[in-house]
């Protein structure tokens, strides 16, 4: 049996349970019948591509990098300076003043306390998401004088071009 399984590859992103069930199922069926395993290129979901563009290009490669390179750091209550990163920028740009025009937060009761729900920009329409990205770029320019450049090549250029194409429709 091990000899037969050596040519089978199962590619899965990060779901060990499904991977394990697939292997067990394949092993069970191999003794009874011929099977075919097809390996296909993983297609990313739209929300994953949007997040990669926002977090990878706009936040990491443009705003955080330019702030850190310019020596503009965050200082906490203890006087400790921190470099900017994606999580810090996400926490700023998920504030109601940046997101409420696209999605109103709901207030729900959890454990006897009223709590505002979090917004998820990657679940918005591509057009809304593009407008949100433009708002972030405008704010970075006004707040810090940072010009968020368009990507000139590579995967981020592909994401950018696709977002621009869809937002014009």
Foldseek 3Di string as FASTA:
>chain_A
DVVVCPPDDDDDDDDVVVVVVVVVVCVVCVVPDDDDDDDDDDDDDQLVLLCCLCQVQVQAVFLQVVCVVVVNFDADPVRDTDGGHSVVVVVVCQDCVLPVVQPNWDWDADPNDTDTDTDRLSPGPLLVSVVSSVVSQVCSCVVPVTHRDQDPDDPSNVSVVVSVVVNVD
